[in-house]
PDB file of N, CA and C in Angstrom:
ATOM      1  N   UNK A   1     -20.492  91.978  72.143  1.00  0.00           N
ATOM      2  CA  UNK A   1     -21.734  91.319  72.237  1.00  0.00           C
ATOM      3  C   UNK A   1     -21.560  89.713  72.126  1.00  0.00           C
ATOM      4  N   UNK A   2     -22.014  89.116  72.990  1.00  0.00           N
ATOM      5  CA  UNK A   2     -21.893  87.564  72.861  1.00  0.00           C
ATOM      6  C   UNK A   2     -23.095  86.918  72.297  1.00  0.00           C
ATOM      7  N   UNK A   3     -22.964  86.084  71.406  1.00  0.00           N
ATOM      8  CA  UNK A   3     -24.074  85.314  70.754  1.00  0.00           C
ATOM      9  C   UNK A   3     -24.681  84.042  71.814  1.00  0.00           C
ATOM     10  N   UNK A   4     -25.836  83.854  72.124  1.00  0.00           N
ATOM     11  CA  UNK A   4     -26.597  82.906  72.814  1.00  0.00           C
ATOM     12  C   UNK A   4     -27.260  82.084  71.929  1.00  0.00           C
ATOM     13  N   UNK A   5     -26.597  80.799  71.849  1.00  0.00           N
ATOM     14  CA  UNK A   5     -27.001  80.000  70.920  1.00  0.00           C
ATOM     15  C   UNK A   5     -28.794  79.391  71.131  1.00  0.00           C
ATOM     16  N   UNK A   6     -29.574  79.024  70.479  1.00  0.00           N
ATOM     17  CA  UNK A   6     -30.880  78.608  70.738  1.00  0.00           C
ATOM     18  C   UNK A   6     -30.959  77.134  70.165  1.00  0.00           C
ATOM     19  N   UNK A   7     -30.301  76.808  69.290  1.00  0.00           N
ATOM     20  CA  UNK A   7     -30.226  75.486  68.906  1.00  0.00           C
ATOM     21  C   UNK A   7     -29.815  74.403  69.841  1.00  0.00           C
ATOM     22  N   UNK A   8     -30.392  73.340  70.119  1.00  0.00           N
ATOM     23  CA  UNK A   8     -30.257  72.345  71.158  1.00  0.00           C
ATOM     24  C   UNK A   8     -29.409  71.473  70.940  1.00  0.00           C
ATOM     25  N   UNK A   9     -28.811  71.105  69.678  1.00  0.00           N
ATOM     26  CA  UNK A   9     -27.384  70.598  69.341  1.00  0.00           C
ATOM     27  C   UNK A   9     -26.681  71.305  68.377  1.00  0.00           C
ATOM     28  N   UNK A  10     -25.456  71.615  69.024  1.00  0.00           N
ATOM     29  CA  UNK A  10     -24.740  72.272  68.199  1.00  0.00           C
ATOM     30  C   UNK A  10     -23.220  71.548  68.084  1.00  0.00           C
ATOM     31  N   UNK A  11     -22.850  71.275  66.939  1.00  0.00           N
ATOM     32  CA  UNK A  11     -21.717  70.461  66.607  1.00  0.00           C
ATOM     33  C   UNK A  11     -20.495  71.291  66.574  1.00  0.00           C
ATOM     34  N   UNK A  12     -19.474  70.779  67.066  1.00  0.00           N
ATOM     35  CA  UNK A  12     -18.365  71.597  67.351  1.00  0.00           C
ATOM     36  C   UNK A  12     -17.296  71.139  66.167  1.00  0.00           C
ATOM     37  N   UNK A  13     -16.803  72.339  65.031  1.00  0.00           N
ATOM     38  CA  UNK A  13     -16.054  72.032  64.184  1.00  0.00           C
ATOM     39  C   UNK A  13     -14.495  72.375  64.331  1.00  0.00           C
ATOM     40  N   UNK A  14     -13.706  71.844  63.467  1.00  0.00           N
ATOM     41  CA  UNK A  14     -12.360  72.338  63.447  1.00  0.00           C
ATOM     42  C   UNK A  14     -12.236  73.293  62.248  1.00  0.00           C
ATOM     43  N   UNK A  15     -11.490  74.348  62.356  1.00  0.00           N
ATOM     44  CA  UNK A  15     -11.254  75.463  61.170  1.00  0.00           C
ATOM     45  C   UNK A  15     -10.877  74.882  60.062  1.00  0.00           C
ATOM     46  N   UNK A  16      -9.980  73.634  60.202  1.00  0.00           N
ATOM     47  CA  UNK A  16      -9.448  72.852  59.020  1.00  0.00           C
ATOM     48  C   UNK A  16     -10.722  72.002  58.013  1.00  0.00           C
ATOM     49  N   UNK A  17     -11.942  71.989  58.823  1.00  0.00           N
ATOM     50  CA  UNK A  17     -13.157  71.332  58.071  1.00  0.00           C
ATOM     51  C   UNK A  17     -13.878  72.335  57.405  1.00  0.00           C
ATOM     52  N   UNK A  18     -13.684  73.550  57.401  1.00  0.00           N
ATOM     53  CA  UNK A  18     -14.374  74.709  56.696  1.00  0.00           C
ATOM     54  C   UNK A  18     -14.427  74.155  55.449  1.00  0.00           C
ATOM     55  N   UNK A  19     -13.443  73.829  54.714  1.00  0.00           N
ATOM     56  CA  UNK A  19     -13.368  73.341  53.225  1.00  0.00           C
ATOM     57  C   UNK A  19     -14.429  72.531  52.837  1.00  0.00           C
ATOM     58  N   UNK A  20     -14.720  71.410  53.803  1.00  0.00           N
ATOM     59  CA  UNK A  20     -15.782  70.503  53.555  1.00  0.00           C
ATOM     60  C   UNK A  20     -17.043  70.552  53.650  1.00  0.00           C
ATOM     61  N   UNK A  21     -17.525  71.773  54.167  1.00  0.00           N
ATOM     62  CA  UNK A  21     -18.931  72.170  54.388  1.00  0.00           C
ATOM     63  C   UNK A  21     -19.609  73.025  53.305  1.00  0.00           C
ATOM     64  N   UNK A  22     -20.747  73.214  53.004  1.00  0.00           N
ATOM     65  CA  UNK A  22     -21.630  73.525  52.178  1.00  0.00           C
ATOM     66  C   UNK A  22     -22.526  74.756  53.057  1.00  0.00           C
ATOM     67  N   UNK A  23     -22.471  76.000  52.008  1.00  0.00           N
ATOM     68  CA  UNK A  23     -23.315  76.952  52.904  1.00  0.00           C
ATOM     69  C   UNK A  23     -24.425  77.397  51.793  1.00  0.00           C
ATOM     70  N   UNK A  24     -25.426  77.897  52.506  1.00  0.00           N
ATOM     71  CA  UNK A  24     -26.817  78.334  51.692  1.00  0.00           C
ATOM     72  C   UNK A  24     -26.165  79.875  51.021  1.00  0.00           C
ATOM     73  N   UNK A  25     -27.049  80.177  50.034  1.00  0.00           N
ATOM     74  CA  UNK A  25     -26.610  81.526  49.379  1.00  0.00           C
ATOM     75  C   UNK A  25     -27.217  82.494  50.104  1.00  0.00           C
ATOM     76  N   UNK A  26     -28.265  82.301  50.780  1.00  0.00           N
ATOM     77  CA  UNK A  26     -29.034  83.233  51.687  1.00  0.00           C
ATOM     78  C   UNK A  26     -28.655  83.530  52.877  1.00  0.00           C
ATOM     79  N   UNK A  27     -28.527  84.692  53.278  1.00  0.00           N
ATOM     80  CA  UNK A  27     -28.016  85.141  54.622  1.00  0.00           C
ATOM     81  C   UNK A  27     -28.881  84.536  55.803  1.00  0.00           C
ATOM     82  N   UNK A  28     -28.137  83.960  56.664  1.00  0.00           N
ATOM     83  CA  UNK A  28     -29.084  83.309  57.975  1.00  0.00           C
ATOM     84  C   UNK A  28     -29.316  84.486  58.856  1.00  0.00           C
ATOM     85  N   UNK A  29     -29.308  85.704  58.732  1.00  0.00           N
ATOM     86  CA  UNK A  29     -29.950  86.865  59.510  1.00  0.00           C
ATOM     87  C   UNK A  29     -30.888  87.526  58.482  1.00  0.00           C
ATOM     88  N   UNK A  30     -31.941  87.655  58.761  1.00  0.00           N
ATOM     89  CA  UNK A  30     -32.806  88.446  57.981  1.00  0.00           C
ATOM     90  C   UNK A  30     -32.956  89.987  58.214  1.00  0.00           C
ATOM     91  N   UNK A  31     -32.845  90.162  59.419  1.00  0.00           N
ATOM     92  CA  UNK A  31     -33.046  91.643  60.124  1.00  0.00           C
ATOM     93  C   UNK A  31     -31.596  92.331  59.771  1.00  0.00           C
ATOM     94  N   UNK A  32     -31.828  93.401  59.006  1.00  0.00           N
ATOM     95  CA  UNK A  32     -30.785  94.465  58.535  1.00  0.00           C
ATOM     96  C   UNK A  32     -29.932  94.917  59.809  1.00  0.00           C
ATOM     97  N   UNK A  33     -30.544  95.273  60.987  1.00  0.00           N
ATOM     98  CA  UNK A  33     -29.886  95.513  62.340  1.00  0.00           C
ATOM     99  C   UNK A  33     -28.917  94.407  62.643  1.00  0.00           C
ATOM    100  N   UNK A  34     -29.526  93.179  62.643  1.00  0.00           N
ATOM    101  CA  UNK A  34     -28.632  92.033  63.297  1.00  0.00           C
ATOM    102  C   UNK A  34     -27.441  91.648  62.318  1.00  0.00           C
ATOM    103  N   UNK A  35     -27.426  92.098  60.727  1.00  0.00           N
ATOM    104  CA  UNK A  35     -26.501  91.813  60.020  1.00  0.00           C
ATOM    105  C   UNK A  35     -25.256  93.113  60.368  1.00  0.00           C
ATOM    106  N   UNK A  36     -25.851  94.137  60.600  1.00  0.00           N
ATOM    107  CA  UNK A  36     -25.013  95.390  60.846  1.00  0.00           C
ATOM    108  C   UNK A  36     -24.077  95.110  62.156  1.00  0.00           C
ATOM    109  N   UNK A  37     -24.944  94.541  63.170  1.00  0.00           N
ATOM    110  CA  UNK A  37     -24.188  94.147  64.390  1.00  0.00           C
ATOM    111  C   UNK A  37     -23.169  92.888  64.048  1.00  0.00           C
ATOM    112  N   UNK A  38     -23.615  92.199  63.189  1.00  0.00           N
ATOM    113  CA  UNK A  38     -22.691  91.099  62.916  1.00  0.00           C
ATOM    114  C   UNK A  38     -21.456  91.562  62.291  1.00  0.00           C
ATOM    115  N   UNK A  39     -21.700  92.622  61.453  1.00  0.00           N
ATOM    116  CA  UNK A  39     -20.313  93.070  60.727  1.00  0.00           C
ATOM    117  C   UNK A  39     -19.556  93.580  61.721  1.00  0.00           C
ATOM    118  N   UNK A  40     -20.019  94.635  62.748  1.00  0.00           N
ATOM    119  CA  UNK A  40     -19.137  95.273  63.645  1.00  0.00           C
ATOM    120  C   UNK A  40     -18.640  94.319  64.531  1.00  0.00           C
ATOM    121  N   UNK A  41     -19.212  92.944  65.044  1.00  0.00           N
ATOM    122  CA  UNK A  41     -18.397  92.132  65.652  1.00  0.00           C
ATOM    123  C   UNK A  41     -17.660  91.469  64.860  1.00  0.00           C
ATOM    124  N   UNK A  42     -17.685  91.205  63.632  1.00  0.00           N
ATOM    125  CA  UNK A  42     -16.757  90.786  62.758  1.00  0.00           C
ATOM    126  C   UNK A  42     -15.129  91.394  62.725  1.00  0.00           C
ATOM    127  N   UNK A  43     -15.566  92.894  62.741  1.00  0.00           N
ATOM    128  CA  UNK A  43     -14.335  93.736  62.698  1.00  0.00           C
ATOM    129  C   UNK A  43     -13.588  93.685  64.187  1.00  0.00           C
ATOM    130  N   UNK A  44     -14.655  93.538  65.281  1.00  0.00           N
ATOM    131  CA  UNK A  44     -13.967  93.297  66.529  1.00  0.00           C
ATOM    132  C   UNK A  44     -13.184  91.951  66.639  1.00  0.00           C
ATOM    133  N   UNK A  45     -13.847  90.922  65.824  1.00  0.00           N
ATOM    134  CA  UNK A  45     -13.078  89.555  65.933  1.00  0.00           C
ATOM    135  C   UNK A  45     -11.581  89.838  65.264  1.00  0.00           C
ATOM    136  N   UNK A  46     -11.474  90.755  64.353  1.00  0.00           N
ATOM    137  CA  UNK A  46     -10.321  90.893  63.451  1.00  0.00           C
ATOM    138  C   UNK A  46      -9.304  91.736  64.547  1.00  0.00           C
ATOM    139  N   UNK A  47      -9.668  92.676  65.041  1.00  0.00           N
ATOM    140  CA  UNK A  47      -8.888  93.299  66.056  1.00  0.00           C
ATOM    141  C   UNK A  47      -8.489  92.367  67.246  1.00  0.00           C
ATOM    142  N   UNK A  48      -9.411  91.554  67.667  1.00  0.00           N
ATOM    143  CA  UNK A  48      -8.938  90.465  68.626  1.00  0.00           C
ATOM    144  C   UNK A  48      -7.975  89.515  68.281  1.00  0.00           C
ATOM    145  N   UNK A  49      -7.842  89.164  67.221  1.00  0.00           N
ATOM    146  CA  UNK A  49      -6.905  88.344  66.255  1.00  0.00           C
ATOM    147  C   UNK A  49      -5.792  89.028  66.059  1.00  0.00           C
ATOM    148  N   UNK A  50      -5.620  90.156  65.423  1.00  0.00           N
ATOM    149  CA  UNK A  50      -4.372  90.584  64.843  1.00  0.00           C
ATOM    150  C   UNK A  50      -3.668  91.137  66.214  1.00  0.00           C
ATOM    151  N   UNK A  51      -4.461  92.015  67.122  1.00  0.00           N
ATOM    152  CA  UNK A  51      -3.876  92.693  68.107  1.00  0.00           C
ATOM    153  C   UNK A  51      -3.216  91.641  69.456  1.00  0.00           C
ATOM    154  N   UNK A  52      -4.282  90.825  69.581  1.00  0.00           N
ATOM    155  CA  UNK A  52      -3.924  90.021  70.709  1.00  0.00           C
ATOM    156  C   UNK A  52      -3.835  88.688  70.453  1.00  0.00           C
ATOM    157  N   UNK A  53      -4.083  87.927  69.329  1.00  0.00           N
ATOM    158  CA  UNK A  53      -3.945  86.301  68.970  1.00  0.00           C
ATOM    159  C   UNK A  53      -5.104  85.789  69.573  1.00  0.00           C
ATOM    160  N   UNK A  54      -6.331  86.703  69.895  1.00  0.00           N
ATOM    161  CA  UNK A  54      -7.322  85.887  70.719  1.00  0.00           C
ATOM    162  C   UNK A  54      -8.194  85.249  69.853  1.00  0.00           C
ATOM    163  N   UNK A  55      -8.561  84.059  70.445  1.00  0.00           N
ATOM    164  CA  UNK A  55      -9.485  83.387  69.959  1.00  0.00           C
ATOM    165  C   UNK A  55     -11.125  83.429  70.410  1.00  0.00           C
ATOM    166  N   UNK A  56     -11.951  83.020  69.650  1.00  0.00           N
ATOM    167  CA  UNK A  56     -13.475  83.137  70.004  1.00  0.00           C
ATOM    168  C   UNK A  56     -14.248  82.056  69.262  1.00  0.00           C
ATOM    169  N   UNK A  57     -15.366  81.880  69.760  1.00  0.00           N
ATOM    170  CA  UNK A  57     -16.244  81.000  69.084  1.00  0.00           C
ATOM    171  C   UNK A  57     -16.971  81.581  67.963  1.00  0.00           C
ATOM    172  N   UNK A  58     -17.162  81.156  67.191  1.00  0.00           N
ATOM    173  CA  UNK A  58     -17.909  81.452  65.636  1.00  0.00           C
ATOM    174  C   UNK A  58     -19.237  80.447  65.726  1.00  0.00           C
ATOM    175  N   UNK A  59     -20.254  80.931  65.886  1.00  0.00           N
ATOM    176  CA  UNK A  59     -21.535  80.022  65.398  1.00  0.00           C
ATOM    177  C   UNK A  59     -22.130  80.294  64.061  1.00  0.00           C
ATOM    178  N   UNK A  60     -22.382  79.500  63.313  1.00  0.00           N
ATOM    179  CA  UNK A  60     -22.648  79.364  62.013  1.00  0.00           C
ATOM    180  C   UNK A  60     -23.722  78.387  61.556  1.00  0.00           C
ATOM    181  N   UNK A  61     -24.362  78.677  60.256  1.00  0.00           N
ATOM    182  CA  UNK A  61     -25.342  77.484  60.051  1.00  0.00           C
ATOM    183  C   UNK A  61     -24.737  76.915  58.513  1.00  0.00           C
ATOM    184  N   UNK A  62     -24.746  75.875  58.406  1.00  0.00           N
ATOM    185  CA  UNK A  62     -24.399  75.129  57.002  1.00  0.00           C
ATOM    186  C   UNK A  62     -25.742  75.022  56.146  1.00  0.00           C
ATOM    187  N   UNK A  63     -25.669  74.419  54.917  1.00  0.00           N
ATOM    188  CA  UNK A  63     -26.691  74.723  54.053  1.00  0.00           C
ATOM    189  C   UNK A  63     -27.709  73.362  54.390  1.00  0.00           C
ATOM    190  N   UNK A  64     -27.468  72.599  55.122  1.00  0.00           N
ATOM    191  CA  UNK A  64     -28.263  71.580  55.785  1.00  0.00           C
ATOM    192  C   UNK A  64     -29.308  72.237  56.740  1.00  0.00           C
ATOM    193  N   UNK A  65     -28.909  73.492  57.361  1.00  0.00           N
ATOM    194  CA  UNK A  65     -29.695  74.094  58.457  1.00  0.00           C
ATOM    195  C   UNK A  65     -28.974  73.516  59.749  1.00  0.00           C
ATOM    196  N   UNK A  66     -27.923  72.908  59.767  1.00  0.00           N
ATOM    197  CA  UNK A  66     -27.282  72.254  61.229  1.00  0.00           C
ATOM    198  C   UNK A  66     -26.524  74.024  61.556  1.00  0.00           C
ATOM    199  N   UNK A  67     -26.492  73.818  62.988  1.00  0.00           N
ATOM    200  CA  UNK A  67     -26.023  75.144  63.836  1.00  0.00           C
ATOM    201  C   UNK A  67     -24.632  74.419  64.068  1.00  0.00           C
ATOM    202  N   UNK A  68     -23.378  75.007  63.734  1.00  0.00           N
ATOM    203  CA  UNK A  68     -22.185  74.584  64.013  1.00  0.00           C
ATOM    204  C   UNK A  68     -21.447  75.610  64.973  1.00  0.00           C
ATOM    205  N   UNK A  69     -20.356  75.212  65.876  1.00  0.00           N
ATOM    206  CA  UNK A  69     -19.473  76.083  66.594  1.00  0.00           C
ATOM    207  C   UNK A  69     -17.863  76.104  66.447  1.00  0.00           C
ATOM    208  N   UNK A  70     -17.342  76.966  66.094  1.00  0.00           N
ATOM    209  CA  UNK A  70     -15.691  76.868  65.991  1.00  0.00           C
ATOM    210  C   UNK A  70     -14.936  77.784  66.609  1.00  0.00           C
ATOM    211  N   UNK A  71     -14.076  77.329  67.163  1.00  0.00           N
ATOM    212  CA  UNK A  71     -13.222  78.332  68.354  1.00  0.00           C
ATOM    213  C   UNK A  71     -11.788  78.479  67.176  1.00  0.00           C
ATOM    214  N   UNK A  72     -11.706  79.826  66.823  1.00  0.00           N
ATOM    215  CA  UNK A  72     -10.722  79.874  65.952  1.00  0.00           C
ATOM    216  C   UNK A  72     -10.195  81.548  66.223  1.00  0.00           C
ATOM    217  N   UNK A  73      -9.119  81.842  65.550  1.00  0.00           N
ATOM    218  CA  UNK A  73      -8.727  83.424  65.691  1.00  0.00           C
ATOM    219  C   UNK A  73      -9.226  83.810  63.886  1.00  0.00           C
ATOM    220  N   UNK A  74      -9.737  84.987  64.132  1.00  0.00           N
ATOM    221  CA  UNK A  74      -9.980  85.876  62.862  1.00  0.00           C
ATOM    222  C   UNK A  74      -8.858  86.908  62.416  1.00  0.00           C
ATOM    223  N   UNK A  75      -8.366  86.535  61.090  1.00  0.00           N
ATOM    224  CA  UNK A  75      -7.293  87.359  60.578  1.00  0.00           C
ATOM    225  C   UNK A  75      -7.707  88.612  59.802  1.00  0.00           C
ATOM    226  N   UNK A  76      -8.845  88.357  59.257  1.00  0.00           N
ATOM    227  CA  UNK A  76      -9.483  89.531  58.387  1.00  0.00           C
ATOM    228  C   UNK A  76     -11.189  89.297  57.819  1.00  0.00           C
ATOM    229  N   UNK A  77     -11.611  90.397  57.817  1.00  0.00           N
ATOM    230  CA  UNK A  77     -12.959  90.117  57.508  1.00  0.00           C
ATOM    231  C   UNK A  77     -13.534  91.446  56.576  1.00  0.00           C
ATOM    232  N   UNK A  78     -14.226  90.879  55.440  1.00  0.00           N
ATOM    233  CA  UNK A  78     -14.722  92.075  54.529  1.00  0.00           C
ATOM    234  C   UNK A  78     -16.384  91.834  54.423  1.00  0.00           C
ATOM    235  N   UNK A  79     -16.698  92.451  53.458  1.00  0.00           N
ATOM    236  CA  UNK A  79     -18.194  92.306  53.440  1.00  0.00           C
ATOM    237  C   UNK A  79     -18.919  90.930  53.198  1.00  0.00           C
ATOM    238  N   UNK A  80     -18.115  90.204  52.565  1.00  0.00           N
ATOM    239  CA  UNK A  80     -18.643  88.616  52.297  1.00  0.00           C
ATOM    240  C   UNK A  80     -17.921  87.542  52.931  1.00  0.00           C
ATOM    241  N   UNK A  81     -16.751  87.585  53.649  1.00  0.00           N
ATOM    242  CA  UNK A  81     -16.054  86.526  54.361  1.00  0.00           C
ATOM    243  C   UNK A  81     -15.216  86.837  55.412  1.00  0.00           C
ATOM    244  N   UNK A  82     -14.966  85.746  56.158  1.00  0.00           N
ATOM    245  CA  UNK A  82     -14.130  85.959  57.291  1.00  0.00           C
ATOM    246  C   UNK A  82     -12.607  85.049  57.068  1.00  0.00           C
ATOM    247  N   UNK A  83     -11.836  85.537  57.159  1.00  0.00           N
ATOM    248  CA  UNK A  83     -10.377  84.729  57.140  1.00  0.00           C
ATOM    249  C   UNK A  83      -9.911  84.224  58.204  1.00  0.00           C
ATOM    250  N   UNK A  84      -9.800  82.943  58.570  1.00  0.00           N
ATOM    251  CA  UNK A  84      -9.455  82.607  59.783  1.00  0.00           C
ATOM    252  C   UNK A  84      -7.944  81.980  59.696  1.00  0.00           C
ATOM    253  N   UNK A  85      -7.339  81.908  60.970  1.00  0.00           N
ATOM    254  CA  UNK A  85      -6.100  81.590  61.226  1.00  0.00           C
ATOM    255  C   UNK A  85      -5.424  80.571  60.293  1.00  0.00           C
ATOM    256  N   UNK A  86      -6.048  79.504  59.778  1.00  0.00           N
ATOM    257  CA  UNK A  86      -5.591  78.742  59.083  1.00  0.00           C
ATOM    258  C   UNK A  86      -5.586  78.977  57.494  1.00  0.00           C
ATOM    259  N   UNK A  87      -6.115  80.124  57.254  1.00  0.00           N
ATOM    260  CA  UNK A  87      -6.423  80.377  56.007  1.00  0.00           C
ATOM    261  C   UNK A  87      -7.662  80.293  55.241  1.00  0.00           C
ATOM    262  N   UNK A  88      -8.385  79.531  56.035  1.00  0.00           N
ATOM    263  CA  UNK A  88      -9.707  79.456  55.463  1.00  0.00           C
ATOM    264  C   UNK A  88     -10.636  80.276  55.848  1.00  0.00           C
ATOM    265  N   UNK A  89     -11.606  80.465  54.786  1.00  0.00           N
ATOM    266  CA  UNK A  89     -12.589  81.612  54.726  1.00  0.00           C
ATOM    267  C   UNK A  89     -14.059  80.987  54.940  1.00  0.00           C
ATOM    268  N   UNK A  90     -14.850  81.542  55.567  1.00  0.00           N
ATOM    269  CA  UNK A  90     -16.091  81.385  56.034  1.00  0.00           C
ATOM    270  C   UNK A  90     -16.905  82.589  55.653  1.00  0.00           C
ATOM    271  N   UNK A  91     -18.140  82.160  55.031  1.00  0.00           N
ATOM    272  CA  UNK A  91     -18.814  83.341  54.416  1.00  0.00           C
ATOM    273  C   UNK A  91     -19.574  83.828  55.600  1.00  0.00           C
ATOM    274  N   UNK A  92     -19.545  85.144  55.431  1.00  0.00           N
ATOM    275  CA  UNK A  92     -20.312  86.047  56.570  1.00  0.00           C
ATOM    276  C   UNK A  92     -21.800  85.708  56.738  1.00  0.00           C
ATOM    277  N   UNK A  93     -22.213  85.574  55.389  1.00  0.00           N
ATOM    278  CA  UNK A  93     -23.737  85.337  55.275  1.00  0.00           C
ATOM    279  C   UNK A  93     -24.114  84.186  56.367  1.00  0.00           C
ATOM    280  N   UNK A  94     -23.308  83.244  56.284  1.00  0.00           N
ATOM    281  CA  UNK A  94     -23.570  81.949  57.162  1.00  0.00           C
ATOM    282  C   UNK A  94     -23.264  82.057  58.852  1.00  0.00           C
ATOM    283  N   UNK A  95     -22.739  83.300  59.315  1.00  0.00           N
ATOM    284  CA  UNK A  95     -22.307  83.494  60.662  1.00  0.00           C
ATOM    285  C   UNK A  95     -23.561  83.933  61.602  1.00  0.00           C
ATOM    286  N   UNK A  96     -24.209  83.014  62.545  1.00  0.00           N
ATOM    287  CA  UNK A  96     -25.251  83.565  63.384  1.00  0.00           C
ATOM    288  C   UNK A  96     -24.715  84.638  64.373  1.00  0.00           C
ATOM    289  N   UNK A  97     -23.425  84.420  64.931  1.00  0.00           N
ATOM    290  CA  UNK A  97     -22.894  85.109  65.898  1.00  0.00           C
ATOM    291  C   UNK A  97     -21.749  85.026  66.411  1.00  0.00           C
ATOM    292  N   UNK A  98     -21.118  85.719  67.309  1.00  0.00           N
ATOM    293  CA  UNK A  98     -19.879  85.333  67.781  1.00  0.00           C
ATOM    294  C   UNK A  98     -19.659  85.441  69.267  1.00  0.00           C
ATOM    295  N   UNK A  99     -18.909  84.724  69.989  1.00  0.00           N
ATOM    296  CA  UNK A  99     -18.944  84.651  71.321  1.00  0.00           C
ATOM    297  C   UNK A  99     -17.524  84.885  71.602  1.00  0.00           C
ATOM    298  N   UNK A 100     -17.328  86.381  72.254  1.00  0.00           N
ATOM    299  CA  UNK A 100     -16.039  86.772  72.702  1.00  0.00           C
ATOM    300  C   UNK A 100     -15.627  86.284  74.156  1.00  0.00           C
ATOM    301  N   UNK A 101     -14.534  85.725  74.608  1.00  0.00           N
ATOM    302  CA  UNK A 101     -14.128  85.485  75.811  1.00  0.00           C
ATOM    303  C   UNK A 101     -12.879  85.977  76.042  1.00  0.00           C
TER     304      UNK A 101
END
């Protein structure tokens, strides 16, 4: 499932910049079904990254409320984090959605 952003201004960031960003401690998704769908999409992103070395867009929100987009490969996912190609880690609670292409 592709994520369709509703934010009017979405900054594109590089995966190397993740370490400079702050994330809220609360989940950006309040709906349980949406969180379960995000987790399934995270697993799909791992399959895409490991089996096909494919990239996707990840939409996420930082602690200041800004929506950001990053094109990357996801190597691993657990209940709390995504591990990206560069070795950087993104908290799953900050992820709004994925755009598979």
